[in-house]
N, C-alpha and C. Protein backbone atom coordinates (compact mmCIF):
# COMPACT_ATOMS: atom_id res chain seq x y z
N UNK A 1 1.20 13.39 -9.13
CA UNK A 1 1.92 12.39 -8.40
C UNK A 1 0.86 11.49 -7.73
N UNK A 2 0.98 10.22 -7.96
CA UNK A 2 0.05 9.22 -7.37
C UNK A 2 0.65 8.69 -6.10
N UNK A 3 -0.18 8.58 -5.05
CA UNK A 3 0.30 7.98 -3.80
C UNK A 3 -0.56 6.78 -3.49
N UNK A 4 0.13 5.78 -2.89
CA UNK A 4 -0.52 4.52 -2.52
C UNK A 4 -0.13 4.13 -1.07
N UNK A 5 -1.04 3.47 -0.42
CA UNK A 5 -0.87 2.93 0.90
C UNK A 5 -0.88 1.43 0.75
N UNK A 6 0.21 0.75 1.08
CA UNK A 6 0.28 -0.69 1.13
C UNK A 6 0.03 -1.10 2.56
N UNK A 7 -0.91 -2.01 2.74
CA UNK A 7 -1.26 -2.52 4.10
C UNK A 7 -0.93 -4.01 4.08
N UNK A 8 0.07 -4.39 4.88
CA UNK A 8 0.51 -5.77 4.90
C UNK A 8 0.29 -6.36 6.29
N UNK A 9 -0.40 -7.52 6.32
CA UNK A 9 -0.46 -8.30 7.55
C UNK A 9 0.62 -9.40 7.51
N UNK A 10 1.62 -9.22 8.32
CA UNK A 10 2.75 -10.17 8.30
C UNK A 10 2.44 -11.39 9.13
N UNK A 11 3.07 -12.49 8.74
CA UNK A 11 2.88 -13.75 9.52
C UNK A 11 3.75 -13.74 10.76
N UNK A 12 3.38 -14.52 11.74
CA UNK A 12 4.16 -14.64 12.99
C UNK A 12 5.59 -15.00 12.74
N UNK A 13 5.83 -15.86 11.76
CA UNK A 13 7.19 -16.30 11.43
C UNK A 13 8.00 -15.12 10.94
N UNK A 14 7.36 -14.18 10.25
CA UNK A 14 8.06 -12.96 9.81
C UNK A 14 8.52 -12.15 10.97
N UNK A 15 7.63 -11.99 11.99
CA UNK A 15 8.00 -11.27 13.16
C UNK A 15 9.19 -11.95 13.87
N UNK A 16 9.15 -13.24 13.94
CA UNK A 16 10.25 -14.04 14.49
C UNK A 16 11.58 -13.78 13.76
N UNK A 17 11.52 -13.70 12.42
CA UNK A 17 12.71 -13.42 11.67
C UNK A 17 13.25 -12.01 11.95
N UNK A 18 12.36 -11.04 12.13
CA UNK A 18 12.78 -9.70 12.45
C UNK A 18 13.38 -9.58 13.83
N UNK A 19 12.83 -10.37 14.75
CA UNK A 19 13.42 -10.37 16.13
C UNK A 19 14.83 -10.99 16.07
N UNK A 20 14.95 -12.09 15.33
CA UNK A 20 16.26 -12.75 15.23
C UNK A 20 17.27 -11.97 14.48
N UNK A 21 16.80 -11.11 13.49
CA UNK A 21 17.70 -10.34 12.63
C UNK A 21 17.14 -8.94 12.45
N UNK A 22 17.20 -8.10 13.49
CA UNK A 22 16.63 -6.70 13.33
C UNK A 22 17.27 -5.95 12.19
N UNK A 23 16.38 -5.28 11.42
CA UNK A 23 16.85 -4.53 10.25
C UNK A 23 15.87 -3.46 9.89
N UNK A 24 16.39 -2.44 9.23
CA UNK A 24 15.52 -1.36 8.73
C UNK A 24 14.85 -1.84 7.46
N UNK A 25 13.58 -2.23 7.59
CA UNK A 25 12.84 -2.78 6.39
C UNK A 25 12.52 -1.68 5.41
N UNK A 26 12.42 -0.42 5.81
CA UNK A 26 12.23 0.63 4.87
C UNK A 26 13.36 0.69 3.86
N UNK A 27 14.56 0.63 4.37
CA UNK A 27 15.77 0.66 3.50
C UNK A 27 15.81 -0.57 2.64
N UNK A 28 15.40 -1.70 3.16
CA UNK A 28 15.43 -2.93 2.40
C UNK A 28 14.33 -2.99 1.31
N UNK A 29 13.24 -2.27 1.57
CA UNK A 29 12.11 -2.27 0.67
C UNK A 29 12.24 -1.23 -0.46
N UNK A 30 12.93 -0.13 -0.16
CA UNK A 30 13.01 0.99 -1.07
C UNK A 30 13.46 0.57 -2.48
N UNK A 31 14.51 -0.28 -2.64
CA UNK A 31 14.91 -0.62 -4.00
C UNK A 31 13.86 -1.32 -4.84
N UNK A 32 12.98 -2.09 -4.16
CA UNK A 32 11.92 -2.79 -4.90
C UNK A 32 11.00 -1.77 -5.53
N UNK A 33 10.58 -0.71 -4.73
CA UNK A 33 9.69 0.31 -5.29
C UNK A 33 10.43 1.19 -6.27
N UNK A 34 11.70 1.44 -5.99
CA UNK A 34 12.47 2.30 -6.94
C UNK A 34 12.53 1.67 -8.32
N UNK A 35 12.55 0.31 -8.36
CA UNK A 35 12.63 -0.40 -9.67
C UNK A 35 11.43 -0.10 -10.56
N UNK A 36 10.33 0.32 -9.95
CA UNK A 36 9.14 0.68 -10.77
C UNK A 36 8.92 2.17 -10.83
N UNK A 37 9.88 2.97 -10.37
CA UNK A 37 9.82 4.44 -10.41
C UNK A 37 9.09 5.00 -9.24
N UNK A 38 8.90 4.23 -8.19
CA UNK A 38 8.20 4.76 -7.01
C UNK A 38 9.21 5.02 -5.85
N UNK A 39 8.76 5.85 -4.94
CA UNK A 39 9.58 6.16 -3.75
C UNK A 39 8.82 5.77 -2.50
N UNK A 40 9.50 5.17 -1.52
CA UNK A 40 8.89 4.84 -0.24
C UNK A 40 8.99 6.09 0.61
N UNK A 41 7.82 6.70 0.91
CA UNK A 41 7.83 7.93 1.72
C UNK A 41 7.80 7.66 3.19
N UNK A 42 6.98 6.62 3.57
CA UNK A 42 6.81 6.23 4.98
C UNK A 42 6.71 4.73 5.08
N UNK A 43 7.21 4.20 6.20
CA UNK A 43 7.16 2.80 6.52
C UNK A 43 6.85 2.68 7.96
N UNK A 44 5.64 2.26 8.33
CA UNK A 44 5.24 2.19 9.75
C UNK A 44 4.84 0.78 10.16
N UNK A 45 5.19 0.45 11.41
CA UNK A 45 4.63 -0.73 12.04
C UNK A 45 3.48 -0.32 12.92
N UNK A 46 2.37 -1.07 12.84
CA UNK A 46 1.24 -0.78 13.71
C UNK A 46 1.54 -1.34 15.11
N UNK A 47 1.30 -0.54 16.11
CA UNK A 47 1.51 -0.98 17.48
C UNK A 47 0.46 -1.99 17.91
N UNK A 48 0.87 -3.08 18.47
CA UNK A 48 -0.08 -4.07 18.94
C UNK A 48 -0.70 -4.92 17.87
N UNK A 49 -0.11 -4.89 16.63
CA UNK A 49 -0.64 -5.69 15.55
C UNK A 49 0.53 -6.22 14.75
N UNK A 50 0.23 -7.01 13.82
CA UNK A 50 1.27 -7.52 12.91
C UNK A 50 1.10 -6.84 11.51
N UNK A 51 0.75 -5.59 11.59
CA UNK A 51 0.41 -4.84 10.34
C UNK A 51 1.50 -3.79 10.02
N UNK A 52 1.89 -3.77 8.75
CA UNK A 52 2.80 -2.74 8.21
C UNK A 52 2.01 -1.77 7.33
N UNK A 53 2.40 -0.53 7.39
CA UNK A 53 1.79 0.51 6.53
C UNK A 53 2.90 1.16 5.77
N UNK A 54 2.85 1.12 4.42
CA UNK A 54 3.88 1.71 3.60
C UNK A 54 3.23 2.70 2.66
N UNK A 55 3.70 3.96 2.66
CA UNK A 55 3.20 4.96 1.74
C UNK A 55 4.26 5.14 0.63
N UNK A 56 3.82 4.99 -0.61
CA UNK A 56 4.75 5.21 -1.68
C UNK A 56 4.14 6.25 -2.65
N UNK A 57 4.99 6.88 -3.42
CA UNK A 57 4.59 7.83 -4.42
C UNK A 57 5.27 7.49 -5.72
N UNK A 58 4.54 7.81 -6.80
CA UNK A 58 5.16 7.61 -8.15
C UNK A 58 4.57 8.69 -9.07
N UNK A 59 5.40 9.09 -10.07
CA UNK A 59 4.95 10.18 -10.92
C UNK A 59 3.71 9.84 -11.75
N UNK A 60 3.59 8.60 -12.16
CA UNK A 60 2.44 8.17 -12.96
C UNK A 60 1.84 6.95 -12.33
N UNK A 61 0.53 6.81 -12.47
CA UNK A 61 -0.15 5.62 -11.98
C UNK A 61 0.30 4.42 -12.83
N UNK A 62 0.60 3.33 -12.18
CA UNK A 62 1.05 2.12 -12.95
C UNK A 62 0.56 0.91 -12.16
N UNK A 63 -0.69 0.59 -12.42
CA UNK A 63 -1.37 -0.52 -11.69
C UNK A 63 -0.65 -1.86 -11.95
N UNK A 64 -0.17 -2.02 -13.16
CA UNK A 64 0.48 -3.32 -13.49
C UNK A 64 1.74 -3.55 -12.62
N UNK A 65 2.57 -2.48 -12.49
CA UNK A 65 3.76 -2.67 -11.71
C UNK A 65 3.42 -2.78 -10.21
N UNK A 66 2.43 -2.09 -9.72
CA UNK A 66 2.06 -2.23 -8.34
C UNK A 66 1.48 -3.57 -8.03
N UNK A 67 0.72 -4.12 -8.98
CA UNK A 67 0.21 -5.50 -8.79
C UNK A 67 1.34 -6.52 -8.81
N UNK A 68 2.37 -6.28 -9.66
CA UNK A 68 3.50 -7.16 -9.69
C UNK A 68 4.22 -7.17 -8.33
N UNK A 69 4.32 -6.06 -7.68
CA UNK A 69 4.93 -5.97 -6.32
C UNK A 69 4.10 -6.75 -5.36
N UNK A 70 2.77 -6.51 -5.44
CA UNK A 70 1.87 -7.24 -4.49
C UNK A 70 2.01 -8.72 -4.70
N UNK A 71 2.00 -9.21 -5.95
CA UNK A 71 2.20 -10.64 -6.21
C UNK A 71 3.50 -11.17 -5.69
N UNK A 72 4.58 -10.41 -5.92
CA UNK A 72 5.93 -10.81 -5.45
C UNK A 72 6.01 -10.94 -3.96
N UNK A 73 5.47 -9.95 -3.24
CA UNK A 73 5.52 -9.96 -1.78
C UNK A 73 4.66 -11.11 -1.25
N UNK A 74 3.45 -11.27 -1.79
CA UNK A 74 2.60 -12.39 -1.35
C UNK A 74 3.21 -13.73 -1.61
N UNK A 75 3.87 -13.88 -2.78
CA UNK A 75 4.49 -15.14 -3.12
C UNK A 75 5.70 -15.48 -2.26
N UNK A 76 6.26 -14.43 -1.59
CA UNK A 76 7.41 -14.66 -0.72
C UNK A 76 7.08 -15.44 0.52
N UNK A 77 5.74 -15.45 0.86
CA UNK A 77 5.30 -16.15 2.04
C UNK A 77 5.42 -15.40 3.36
N UNK A 78 5.82 -14.14 3.34
CA UNK A 78 6.00 -13.39 4.57
C UNK A 78 4.73 -12.72 5.05
N UNK A 79 3.70 -12.63 4.22
CA UNK A 79 2.44 -11.94 4.65
C UNK A 79 1.25 -12.87 4.59
N UNK A 80 0.26 -12.53 5.41
CA UNK A 80 -1.04 -13.20 5.29
C UNK A 80 -1.87 -12.55 4.18
N UNK A 81 -1.72 -11.21 4.11
CA UNK A 81 -2.40 -10.47 3.07
C UNK A 81 -1.69 -9.16 2.85
N UNK A 82 -1.96 -8.57 1.65
CA UNK A 82 -1.43 -7.29 1.26
C UNK A 82 -2.45 -6.56 0.39
N UNK A 83 -2.74 -5.33 0.78
CA UNK A 83 -3.67 -4.50 0.01
C UNK A 83 -2.93 -3.23 -0.42
N UNK A 84 -3.23 -2.80 -1.60
CA UNK A 84 -2.62 -1.56 -2.16
C UNK A 84 -3.78 -0.62 -2.41
N UNK A 85 -3.77 0.52 -1.72
CA UNK A 85 -4.85 1.50 -1.79
C UNK A 85 -4.37 2.78 -2.38
N UNK A 86 -5.00 3.28 -3.45
CA UNK A 86 -4.63 4.61 -3.95
C UNK A 86 -5.18 5.70 -3.06
N UNK A 87 -4.32 6.64 -2.72
CA UNK A 87 -4.72 7.76 -1.84
C UNK A 87 -5.06 8.97 -2.63
N UNK A 88 -6.08 9.72 -2.14
CA UNK A 88 -6.43 11.01 -2.73
C UNK A 88 -6.09 12.11 -1.77
N UNK A 89 -5.67 13.25 -2.36
CA UNK A 89 -5.48 14.45 -1.50
C UNK A 89 -6.85 14.94 -1.05
N UNK A 90 -6.87 15.88 -0.11
CA UNK A 90 -8.12 16.47 0.29
C UNK A 90 -8.86 17.20 -0.88
N UNK A 91 -8.02 17.83 -1.72
CA UNK A 91 -8.58 18.53 -2.85
C UNK A 91 -9.18 17.58 -3.86
N UNK A 92 -8.50 16.42 -4.09
CA UNK A 92 -9.03 15.39 -4.97
C UNK A 92 -10.36 14.76 -4.43
N UNK A 93 -10.41 14.65 -3.11
CA UNK A 93 -11.60 14.15 -2.51
C UNK A 93 -12.78 15.08 -2.68
N UNK A 94 -12.52 16.37 -2.53
CA UNK A 94 -13.59 17.39 -2.75
C UNK A 94 -14.08 17.34 -4.18
N UNK A 95 -13.20 17.16 -5.14
CA UNK A 95 -13.58 17.00 -6.56
C UNK A 95 -14.50 15.76 -6.73
N UNK A 96 -14.16 14.68 -6.01
CA UNK A 96 -14.98 13.48 -6.12
C UNK A 96 -16.35 13.75 -5.50
N UNK A 97 -16.38 14.47 -4.41
CA UNK A 97 -17.66 14.77 -3.73
C UNK A 97 -18.55 15.62 -4.67
N UNK A 98 -17.96 16.59 -5.37
CA UNK A 98 -18.71 17.44 -6.31
C UNK A 98 -19.21 16.56 -7.51
N UNK A 99 -18.38 15.65 -7.95
CA UNK A 99 -18.82 14.79 -9.03
C UNK A 99 -19.94 13.86 -8.61
N UNK A 100 -19.84 13.37 -7.39
CA UNK A 100 -20.92 12.47 -6.85
C UNK A 100 -22.21 13.19 -6.75
N UNK A 101 -22.15 14.51 -6.45
CA UNK A 101 -23.43 15.27 -6.37
C UNK A 101 -24.09 15.43 -7.75
N UNK A 102 -23.31 15.31 -8.82
CA UNK A 102 -23.85 15.41 -10.20
C UNK A 102 -24.45 14.09 -10.69
N UNK A 103 -24.15 13.02 -10.07
CA UNK A 103 -24.55 11.68 -10.54
C UNK A 103 -25.82 11.20 -9.84
N UNK A 104 -26.47 10.26 -10.44
CA UNK A 104 -27.62 9.61 -9.80
C UNK A 104 -27.40 8.10 -9.77
N UNK A 105 -28.00 7.48 -8.79
CA UNK A 105 -27.82 6.05 -8.59
C UNK A 105 -29.08 5.46 -7.97
N UNK A 106 -29.52 4.33 -8.46
CA UNK A 106 -30.64 3.61 -7.88
C UNK A 106 -30.08 2.33 -7.19
N UNK A 107 -30.16 2.26 -5.90
CA UNK A 107 -29.65 1.04 -5.21
C UNK A 107 -30.58 -0.11 -5.51
N UNK A 108 -30.08 -1.36 -5.28
CA UNK A 108 -30.92 -2.56 -5.50
C UNK A 108 -32.23 -2.46 -4.67
N UNK A 109 -33.32 -2.81 -5.31
CA UNK A 109 -34.61 -2.81 -4.63
C UNK A 109 -35.18 -1.39 -4.56
N UNK A 110 -34.49 -0.36 -5.14
CA UNK A 110 -34.95 1.01 -5.00
C UNK A 110 -35.71 1.52 -6.19
């Protein structure tokens, strides 16, 4: 199961629209992700910021569909920016650490 964190910086006008018409945006967003086979697990508003954090999961990685959602949301004009980050479990991160220990790298100028 692949998990992703979407980080959206919404515009001031978007906040104004939410104040004028309060609504559960998790429920409104879920069908969009469901259309690509993903589920919205969490939908958070950052306190003191105009940032939204959405955690989604999907059975298979599908970068094309996730990019399509990013393009669609950005084109809607409600956000200043949107980033989609693939999340690793702690176990997956340990595997990455072990793999990194097997590799070698020469930094620029090194």
